[in-house]
Amino acid sequence: MAEQPGNDHWENFRIRTIVFSPNDLKTKWTITIRELVFSKEKLQLACRTFEEKKKDAKELIIKYLFSSADSTSEYPSRT
């Protein structure tokens, strides 16, 4: 049986995050949008880590995702 070709179009994964947070004076809300790019291997590792740690601290997972992405982009904030 011939070996089937790999699924080449799933090499990079992009996750866009949107965070709503109050400004310092708590008079307006700020929207921050970031894009994270993961290789397939790093996304699989991040997912495994999330499954292991999700009960402990959601905030740590978010920081881990930002630190383990192959690249990140931040878009201008809007208030």
Protein backbone atom coordinates (compact mmCIF):
# COMPACT_ATOMS: atom_id res chain seq x y z
CA MET A 1 0.00 0.00 0.00
CA ALA A 2 1.34 3.43 -0.90
CA GLU A 3 1.95 5.88 1.91
CA GLN A 4 -0.44 8.82 1.89
CA PRO A 5 1.06 12.30 1.74
CA GLY A 6 1.13 14.33 4.95
CA ASN A 7 -1.30 17.08 5.74
CA ASP A 8 1.01 19.97 4.79
CA HIS A 9 -1.53 22.76 5.10
CA TRP A 10 -1.62 22.46 8.91
CA GLU A 11 1.92 23.67 9.59
CA ASN A 12 1.12 26.91 11.45
CA PHE A 13 -1.79 27.83 13.67
CA ARG A 14 -2.93 31.35 14.48
CA ILE A 15 -4.87 32.22 17.61
CA ARG A 16 -6.25 35.72 18.04
CA THR A 17 -7.00 36.89 21.55
CA ILE A 18 -9.21 39.80 22.50
CA VAL A 19 -8.95 41.15 26.03
CA PHE A 20 -11.32 43.74 27.48
CA SER A 21 -9.94 45.57 30.51
CA PRO A 22 -10.70 48.83 32.35
CA ASN A 23 -8.21 51.68 31.98
CA ASP A 24 -6.27 53.02 34.97
CA LEU A 25 -9.01 55.49 35.91
CA LYS A 26 -11.68 52.79 35.44
CA THR A 27 -13.67 55.21 33.31
CA LYS A 28 -13.30 53.40 30.00
CA TRP A 29 -12.64 49.90 28.73
CA THR A 30 -9.64 49.06 26.57
CA ILE A 31 -9.63 46.36 23.91
CA THR A 32 -6.32 44.63 23.23
CA ILE A 33 -6.01 42.22 20.31
CA ARG A 34 -3.05 39.89 19.90
CA GLU A 35 -2.25 37.21 17.38
CA LEU A 36 -0.20 34.16 18.37
CA VAL A 37 1.38 31.89 15.76
CA PHE A 38 2.26 28.32 16.74
CA SER A 39 3.99 25.52 14.91
CA LYS A 40 2.04 22.26 15.06
CA GLU A 41 4.44 20.84 17.65
CA LYS A 42 4.31 23.88 19.93
CA LEU A 43 0.52 24.02 19.78
CA GLN A 44 0.30 20.33 20.71
CA LEU A 45 2.66 20.95 23.64
CA ALA A 46 0.65 24.00 24.73
CA CYS A 47 -2.59 21.97 24.62
CA ARG A 48 -1.08 19.14 26.67
CA THR A 49 0.25 21.64 29.20
CA PHE A 50 -3.14 23.34 29.36
CA GLU A 51 -4.90 20.04 30.04
CA GLU A 52 -2.44 19.27 32.84
CA LYS A 53 -2.56 22.72 34.44
CA LYS A 54 -6.06 24.09 33.76
CA LYS A 55 -7.27 23.29 37.26
CA ASP A 56 -4.38 25.16 38.86
CA ALA A 57 -4.24 28.61 37.30
CA LYS A 58 -5.84 29.94 34.15
CA GLU A 59 -3.66 33.08 34.27
CA LEU A 60 -0.46 31.01 34.13
CA ILE A 61 -1.71 29.21 31.04
CA ILE A 62 -2.39 32.49 29.27
CA LYS A 63 1.14 33.68 30.10
CA TYR A 64 2.52 30.32 28.93
CA LEU A 65 0.71 30.61 25.59
CA PHE A 66 2.14 34.07 24.98
CA SER A 67 5.65 32.96 25.91
CA SER A 68 5.62 29.72 23.88
CA ALA A 69 4.19 31.02 20.58
CA ASP A 70 6.54 31.14 17.60
CA SER A 71 5.52 34.75 17.08
CA THR A 72 3.08 37.27 18.49
CA SER A 73 1.57 40.44 17.09
CA GLU A 74 -0.17 43.15 19.06
CA TYR A 75 -2.67 45.43 17.42
CA PRO A 76 -3.29 49.04 18.46
CA SER A 77 -5.53 49.31 21.53
CA ARG A 78 -8.85 51.07 21.33
CA THR A 79 -10.51 52.85 24.23
